[in-house]
Amino acid sequence: MEIGSIEKNMKEKVKVSIETYRKHTFIDCRVYFEDEEGRWLPTKKGIALNEETIDEVIDLLRKASKQLKKTE
């Protein structure tokens, strides 16, 4: 189930979705590229997060965001 996507550049975007594989449900953050026919296809670039690690990643991203704002 796709949650949303963010444009990375003119030919790539990052899609966030909830996936199930071998009875395990996880959040998938994957880079997609646009082919010559305008279809968005997944690459191997991405990360799969289970419910135990997603909150830790969110906390780290918040910390990184605060640090980034301090450097501006």
PDB file of N, CA and C in Angstrom:
ATOM      1  N   MET A   1       0.855  -1.158   0.000  1.00  0.00           N
ATOM      2  CA  MET A   1       0.000   0.000   0.000  1.00  0.00           C
ATOM      3  C   MET A   1       0.911   1.235   0.000  1.00  0.00           C
ATOM      4  N   GLU A   2       0.819   2.051  -1.042  1.00  0.00           N
ATOM      5  CA  GLU A   2       1.640   3.247  -1.125  1.00  0.00           C
ATOM      6  C   GLU A   2       1.119   4.319  -0.163  1.00  0.00           C
ATOM      7  N   ILE A   3       2.039   4.911   0.585  1.00  0.00           N
ATOM      8  CA  ILE A   3       1.708   5.978   1.528  1.00  0.00           C
ATOM      9  C   ILE A   3       1.908   7.337   0.863  1.00  0.00           C
ATOM     10  N   GLY A   4       2.997   7.476   0.123  1.00  0.00           N
ATOM     11  CA  GLY A   4       3.287   8.723  -0.562  1.00  0.00           C
ATOM     12  C   GLY A   4       4.657   8.678  -1.200  1.00  0.00           C
ATOM     13  N   SER A   5       5.009   9.763  -1.879  1.00  0.00           N
ATOM     14  CA  SER A   5       6.316   9.828  -2.516  1.00  0.00           C
ATOM     15  C   SER A   5       6.857  11.248  -2.468  1.00  0.00           C
ATOM     16  N   ILE A   6       8.180  11.341  -2.586  1.00  0.00           N
ATOM     17  CA  ILE A   6       8.893  12.612  -2.568  1.00  0.00           C
ATOM     18  C   ILE A   6       9.794  12.634  -3.791  1.00  0.00           C
ATOM     19  N   GLU A   7       9.768  13.744  -4.528  1.00  0.00           N
ATOM     20  CA  GLU A   7      10.640  13.860  -5.698  1.00  0.00           C
ATOM     21  C   GLU A   7      12.084  13.991  -5.240  1.00  0.00           C
ATOM     22  N   LYS A   8      12.936  13.130  -5.780  1.00  0.00           N
ATOM     23  CA  LYS A   8      14.364  13.186  -5.473  1.00  0.00           C
ATOM     24  C   LYS A   8      15.074  14.070  -6.500  1.00  0.00           C
ATOM     25  N   ASN A   9      14.749  13.885  -7.753  1.00  0.00           N
ATOM     26  CA  ASN A   9      15.256  14.709  -8.850  1.00  0.00           C
ATOM     27  C   ASN A   9      14.318  14.513 -10.043  1.00  0.00           C
ATOM     28  N   MET A  10      14.718  14.988 -11.218  1.00  0.00           N
ATOM     29  CA  MET A  10      13.825  14.939 -12.382  1.00  0.00           C
ATOM     30  C   MET A  10      13.440  13.519 -12.793  1.00  0.00           C
ATOM     31  N   LYS A  11      14.298  12.550 -12.528  1.00  0.00           N
ATOM     32  CA  LYS A  11      14.047  11.184 -12.979  1.00  0.00           C
ATOM     33  C   LYS A  11      13.853  10.182 -11.844  1.00  0.00           C
ATOM     34  N   GLU A  12      13.940  10.634 -10.601  1.00  0.00           N
ATOM     35  CA  GLU A  12      13.814   9.709  -9.481  1.00  0.00           C
ATOM     36  C   GLU A  12      12.907  10.284  -8.404  1.00  0.00           C
ATOM     37  N   LYS A  13      12.261   9.363  -7.687  1.00  0.00           N
ATOM     38  CA  LYS A  13      11.508   9.754  -6.500  1.00  0.00           C
ATOM     39  C   LYS A  13      11.631   8.648  -5.463  1.00  0.00           C
ATOM     40  N   VAL A  14      11.355   9.013  -4.224  1.00  0.00           N
ATOM     41  CA  VAL A  14      11.381   8.052  -3.121  1.00  0.00           C
ATOM     42  C   VAL A  14       9.940   7.779  -2.738  1.00  0.00           C
ATOM     43  N   LYS A  15       9.557   6.513  -2.814  1.00  0.00           N
ATOM     44  CA  LYS A  15       8.209   6.116  -2.422  1.00  0.00           C
ATOM     45  C   LYS A  15       8.258   5.443  -1.061  1.00  0.00           C
ATOM     46  N   VAL A  16       7.271   5.762  -0.246  1.00  0.00           N
ATOM     47  CA  VAL A  16       7.112   5.113   1.055  1.00  0.00           C
ATOM     48  C   VAL A  16       5.846   4.273   0.974  1.00  0.00           C
ATOM     49  N   SER A  17       5.987   3.001   1.328  1.00  0.00           N
ATOM     50  CA  SER A  17       4.838   2.099   1.265  1.00  0.00           C
ATOM     51  C   SER A  17       4.906   1.090   2.400  1.00  0.00           C
ATOM     52  N   ILE A  18       3.797   0.445   2.643  1.00  0.00           N
ATOM     53  CA  ILE A  18       3.735  -0.650   3.604  1.00  0.00           C
ATOM     54  C   ILE A  18       3.637  -1.935   2.790  1.00  0.00           C
ATOM     55  N   GLU A  19       4.560  -2.844   3.043  1.00  0.00           N
ATOM     56  CA  GLU A  19       4.654  -4.083   2.277  1.00  0.00           C
ATOM     57  C   GLU A  19       4.625  -5.295   3.210  1.00  0.00           C
ATOM     58  N   THR A  20       4.289  -6.426   2.658  1.00  0.00           N
ATOM     59  CA  THR A  20       4.348  -7.690   3.388  1.00  0.00           C
ATOM     60  C   THR A  20       5.158  -8.682   2.563  1.00  0.00           C
ATOM     61  N   TYR A  21       6.112  -9.345   3.217  1.00  0.00           N
ATOM     62  CA  TYR A  21       6.956 -10.330   2.567  1.00  0.00           C
ATOM     63  C   TYR A  21       7.177 -11.469   3.540  1.00  0.00           C
ATOM     64  N   ARG A  22       6.818 -12.667   3.122  1.00  0.00           N
ATOM     65  CA  ARG A  22       6.949 -13.860   3.979  1.00  0.00           C
ATOM     66  C   ARG A  22       6.324 -13.639   5.355  1.00  0.00           C
ATOM     67  N   LYS A  23       5.119 -13.114   5.356  1.00  0.00           N
ATOM     68  CA  LYS A  23       4.319 -12.880   6.563  1.00  0.00           C
ATOM     69  C   LYS A  23       4.885 -11.807   7.489  1.00  0.00           C
ATOM     70  N   HIS A  24       5.840 -11.002   6.998  1.00  0.00           N
ATOM     71  CA  HIS A  24       6.384  -9.893   7.772  1.00  0.00           C
ATOM     72  C   HIS A  24       5.950  -8.595   7.111  1.00  0.00           C
ATOM     73  N   THR A  25       5.379  -7.703   7.898  1.00  0.00           N
ATOM     74  CA  THR A  25       4.941  -6.405   7.385  1.00  0.00           C
ATOM     75  C   THR A  25       5.976  -5.357   7.776  1.00  0.00           C
ATOM     76  N   PHE A  26       6.301  -4.476   6.837  1.00  0.00           N
ATOM     77  CA  PHE A  26       7.338  -3.487   7.065  1.00  0.00           C
ATOM     78  C   PHE A  26       7.065  -2.229   6.249  1.00  0.00           C
ATOM     79  N   ILE A  27       7.769  -1.159   6.593  1.00  0.00           N
ATOM     80  CA  ILE A  27       7.718   0.085   5.832  1.00  0.00           C
ATOM     81  C   ILE A  27       8.886   0.059   4.861  1.00  0.00           C
ATOM     82  N   ASP A  28       8.604   0.279   3.597  1.00  0.00           N
ATOM     83  CA  ASP A  28       9.628   0.274   2.561  1.00  0.00           C
ATOM     84  C   ASP A  28       9.807   1.685   2.028  1.00  0.00           C
ATOM     85  N   CYS A  29      11.025   2.201   2.103  1.00  0.00           N
ATOM     86  CA  CYS A  29      11.389   3.495   1.517  1.00  0.00           C
ATOM     87  C   CYS A  29      12.304   3.165   0.344  1.00  0.00           C
ATOM     88  N   ARG A  30      11.816   3.337  -0.864  1.00  0.00           N
ATOM     89  CA  ARG A  30      12.524   2.853  -2.048  1.00  0.00           C
ATOM     90  C   ARG A  30      12.654   3.951  -3.091  1.00  0.00           C
ATOM     91  N   VAL A  31      13.805   3.998  -3.761  1.00  0.00           N
ATOM     92  CA  VAL A  31      14.021   4.917  -4.876  1.00  0.00           C
ATOM     93  C   VAL A  31      13.419   4.280  -6.129  1.00  0.00           C
ATOM     94  N   TYR A  32      12.636   5.072  -6.853  1.00  0.00           N
ATOM     95  CA  TYR A  32      12.046   4.652  -8.128  1.00  0.00           C
ATOM     96  C   TYR A  32      12.592   5.548  -9.224  1.00  0.00           C
ATOM     97  N   PHE A  33      12.682   5.003 -10.437  1.00  0.00           N
ATOM     98  CA  PHE A  33      13.117   5.806 -11.575  1.00  0.00           C
ATOM     99  C   PHE A  33      12.062   5.748 -12.667  1.00  0.00           C
ATOM    100  N   GLU A  34      12.055   6.778 -13.492  1.00  0.00           N
ATOM    101  CA  GLU A  34      11.095   6.842 -14.586  1.00  0.00           C
ATOM    102  C   GLU A  34      11.755   6.304 -15.854  1.00  0.00           C
ATOM    103  N   ASP A  35      11.149   5.283 -16.451  1.00  0.00           N
ATOM    104  CA  ASP A  35      11.708   4.720 -17.678  1.00  0.00           C
ATOM    105  C   ASP A  35      11.287   5.540 -18.890  1.00  0.00           C
ATOM    106  N   GLU A  36      11.720   5.121 -20.067  1.00  0.00           N
ATOM    107  CA  GLU A  36      11.453   5.866 -21.303  1.00  0.00           C
ATOM    108  C   GLU A  36       9.964   5.976 -21.626  1.00  0.00           C
ATOM    109  N   GLU A  37       9.184   5.053 -21.094  1.00  0.00           N
ATOM    110  CA  GLU A  37       7.743   5.040 -21.359  1.00  0.00           C
ATOM    111  C   GLU A  37       6.936   5.765 -20.279  1.00  0.00           C
ATOM    112  N   GLY A  38       7.633   6.381 -19.329  1.00  0.00           N
ATOM    113  CA  GLY A  38       6.947   7.137 -18.285  1.00  0.00           C
ATOM    114  C   GLY A  38       6.488   6.308 -17.097  1.00  0.00           C
ATOM    115  N   ARG A  39       6.901   5.043 -17.023  1.00  0.00           N
ATOM    116  CA  ARG A  39       6.537   4.187 -15.888  1.00  0.00           C
ATOM    117  C   ARG A  39       7.558   4.366 -14.766  1.00  0.00           C
ATOM    118  N   TRP A  40       7.073   4.313 -13.530  1.00  0.00           N
ATOM    119  CA  TRP A  40       7.952   4.397 -12.368  1.00  0.00           C
ATOM    120  C   TRP A  40       8.277   2.988 -11.900  1.00  0.00           C
ATOM    121  N   LEU A  41       9.580   2.646 -11.892  1.00  0.00           N
ATOM    122  CA  LEU A  41      10.034   1.309 -11.540  1.00  0.00           C
ATOM    123  C   LEU A  41      10.970   1.366 -10.340  1.00  0.00           C
ATOM    124  N   PRO A  42      10.914   0.354  -9.464  1.00  0.00           N
ATOM    125  CA  PRO A  42      11.759   0.368  -8.262  1.00  0.00           C
ATOM    126  C   PRO A  42      13.210   0.032  -8.585  1.00  0.00           C
ATOM    127  N   THR A  43      14.114   0.604  -7.791  1.00  0.00           N
ATOM    128  CA  THR A  43      15.525   0.249  -7.859  1.00  0.00           C
ATOM    129  C   THR A  43      15.855  -0.617  -6.641  1.00  0.00           C
ATOM    130  N   LYS A  44      17.105  -1.042  -6.552  1.00  0.00           N
ATOM    131  CA  LYS A  44      17.547  -1.775  -5.371  1.00  0.00           C
ATOM    132  C   LYS A  44      17.882  -0.833  -4.220  1.00  0.00           C
ATOM    133  N   LYS A  45      17.907   0.477  -4.499  1.00  0.00           N
ATOM    134  CA  LYS A  45      18.236   1.466  -3.481  1.00  0.00           C
ATOM    135  C   LYS A  45      17.025   1.700  -2.583  1.00  0.00           C
ATOM    136  N   GLY A  46      17.178   1.383  -1.322  1.00  0.00           N
ATOM    137  CA  GLY A  46      16.074   1.596  -0.400  1.00  0.00           C
ATOM    138  C   GLY A  46      16.360   0.974   0.945  1.00  0.00           C
ATOM    139  N   ILE A  47      15.374   1.091   1.812  1.00  0.00           N
ATOM    140  CA  ILE A  47      15.504   0.545   3.156  1.00  0.00           C
ATOM    141  C   ILE A  47      14.136   0.039   3.606  1.00  0.00           C
ATOM    142  N   ALA A  48      14.158  -1.107   4.266  1.00  0.00           N
ATOM    143  CA  ALA A  48      12.940  -1.685   4.828  1.00  0.00           C
ATOM    144  C   ALA A  48      13.040  -1.617   6.348  1.00  0.00           C
ATOM    145  N   LEU A  49      12.004  -1.082   6.972  1.00  0.00           N
ATOM    146  CA  LEU A  49      12.013  -0.879   8.421  1.00  0.00           C
ATOM    147  C   LEU A  49      10.842  -1.609   9.066  1.00  0.00           C
ATOM    148  N   ASN A  50      11.139  -2.352  10.123  1.00  0.00           N
ATOM    149  CA  ASN A  50      10.051  -3.009  10.847  1.00  0.00           C
ATOM    150  C   ASN A  50       9.550  -2.086  11.945  1.00  0.00           C
ATOM    151  N   GLU A  51       8.513  -2.494  12.623  1.00  0.00           N
ATOM    152  CA  GLU A  51       7.910  -1.608  13.622  1.00  0.00           C
ATOM    153  C   GLU A  51       8.819  -1.367  14.826  1.00  0.00           C
ATOM    154  N   GLU A  52       9.809  -2.231  15.046  1.00  0.00           N
ATOM    155  CA  GLU A  52      10.734  -2.012  16.158  1.00  0.00           C
ATOM    156  C   GLU A  52      11.751  -0.919  15.833  1.00  0.00           C
ATOM    157  N   THR A  53      12.097  -0.737  14.562  1.00  0.00           N
ATOM    158  CA  THR A  53      13.151   0.217  14.218  1.00  0.00           C
ATOM    159  C   THR A  53      12.634   1.547  13.671  1.00  0.00           C
ATOM    160  N   ILE A  54      11.400   1.611  13.238  1.00  0.00           N
ATOM    161  CA  ILE A  54      10.908   2.825  12.594  1.00  0.00           C
ATOM    162  C   ILE A  54      10.955   4.036  13.529  1.00  0.00           C
ATOM    163  N   ASP A  55      10.588   3.877  14.780  1.00  0.00           N
ATOM    164  CA  ASP A  55      10.607   5.011  15.712  1.00  0.00           C
ATOM    165  C   ASP A  55      12.036   5.504  15.961  1.00  0.00           C
ATOM    166  N   GLU A  56      12.992   4.571  16.001  1.00  0.00           N
ATOM    167  CA  GLU A  56      14.388   4.970  16.174  1.00  0.00           C
ATOM    168  C   GLU A  56      14.878   5.783  14.984  1.00  0.00           C
ATOM    169  N   VAL A  57      14.506   5.373  13.788  1.00  0.00           N
ATOM    170  CA  VAL A  57      14.905   6.095  12.579  1.00  0.00           C
ATOM    171  C   VAL A  57      14.259   7.482  12.556  1.00  0.00           C
ATOM    172  N   ILE A  58      12.999   7.566  12.935  1.00  0.00           N
ATOM    173  CA  ILE A  58      12.315   8.868  12.986  1.00  0.00           C
ATOM    174  C   ILE A  58      13.018   9.789  13.979  1.00  0.00           C
ATOM    175  N   ASP A  59      13.383   9.279  15.147  1.00  0.00           N
ATOM    176  CA  ASP A  59      14.099  10.094  16.140  1.00  0.00           C
ATOM    177  C   ASP A  59      15.431  10.594  15.588  1.00  0.00           C
ATOM    178  N   LEU A  60      16.167   9.725  14.899  1.00  0.00           N
ATOM    179  CA  LEU A  60      17.450  10.128  14.329  1.00  0.00           C
ATOM    180  C   LEU A  60      17.265  11.185  13.238  1.00  0.00           C
ATOM    181  N   LEU A  61      16.226  11.047  12.434  1.00  0.00           N
ATOM    182  CA  LEU A  61      15.955  12.045  11.396  1.00  0.00           C
ATOM    183  C   LEU A  61      15.591  13.389  12.012  1.00  0.00           C
ATOM    184  N   ARG A  62      14.851  13.375  13.112  1.00  0.00           N
ATOM    185  CA  ARG A  62      14.524  14.635  13.797  1.00  0.00           C
ATOM    186  C   ARG A  62      15.788  15.303  14.339  1.00  0.00           C
ATOM    187  N   LYS A  63      16.682  14.503  14.932  1.00  0.00           N
ATOM    188  CA  LYS A  63      17.949  15.041  15.439  1.00  0.00           C
ATOM    189  C   LYS A  63      18.772  15.616  14.295  1.00  0.00           C
ATOM    190  N   ALA A  64      18.828  14.907  13.194  1.00  0.00           N
ATOM    191  CA  ALA A  64      19.588  15.383  12.037  1.00  0.00           C
ATOM    192  C   ALA A  64      18.989  16.673  11.497  1.00  0.00           C
ATOM    193  N   SER A  65      17.678  16.762  11.474  1.00  0.00           N
ATOM    194  CA  SER A  65      17.004  17.968  10.996  1.00  0.00           C
ATOM    195  C   SER A  65      17.341  19.170  11.874  1.00  0.00           C
ATOM    196  N   LYS A  66      17.353  18.966  13.195  1.00  0.00           N
ATOM    197  CA  LYS A  66      17.707  20.054  14.117  1.00  0.00           C
ATOM    198  C   LYS A  66      19.144  20.507  13.898  1.00  0.00           C
ATOM    199  N   GLN A  67      20.053  19.568  13.715  1.00  0.00           N
ATOM    200  CA  GLN A  67      21.458  19.902  13.472  1.00  0.00           C
ATOM    201  C   GLN A  67      21.614  20.660  12.148  1.00  0.00           C
ATOM    202  N   LEU A  68      20.888  20.241  11.141  1.00  0.00           N
ATOM    203  CA  LEU A  68      20.948  20.899   9.845  1.00  0.00           C
ATOM    204  C   LEU A  68      20.495  22.343   9.943  1.00  0.00           C
ATOM    205  N   LYS A  69      19.424  22.570  10.696  1.00  0.00           N
ATOM    206  CA  LYS A  69      18.910  23.938  10.873  1.00  0.00           C
ATOM    207  C   LYS A  69      19.911  24.825  11.595  1.00  0.00           C
ATOM    208  N   LYS A  70      20.689  24.252  12.498  1.00  0.00           N
ATOM    209  CA  LYS A  70      21.700  25.016  13.228  1.00  0.00           C
ATOM    210  C   LYS A  70      22.846  25.457  12.318  1.00  0.00           C
ATOM    211  N   THR A  71      23.098  24.718  11.268  1.00  0.00           N
ATOM    212  CA  THR A  71      24.218  25.031  10.372  1.00  0.00           C
ATOM    213  C   THR A  71      23.825  26.036   9.294  1.00  0.00           C
ATOM    214  N   GLU A  72      22.544  26.339   9.171  1.00  0.00           N
ATOM    215  CA  GLU A  72      22.098  27.271   8.129  1.00  0.00           C
ATOM    216  C   GLU A  72      22.314  28.704   8.526  1.00  0.00           C
TER     217      GLU A  72
END
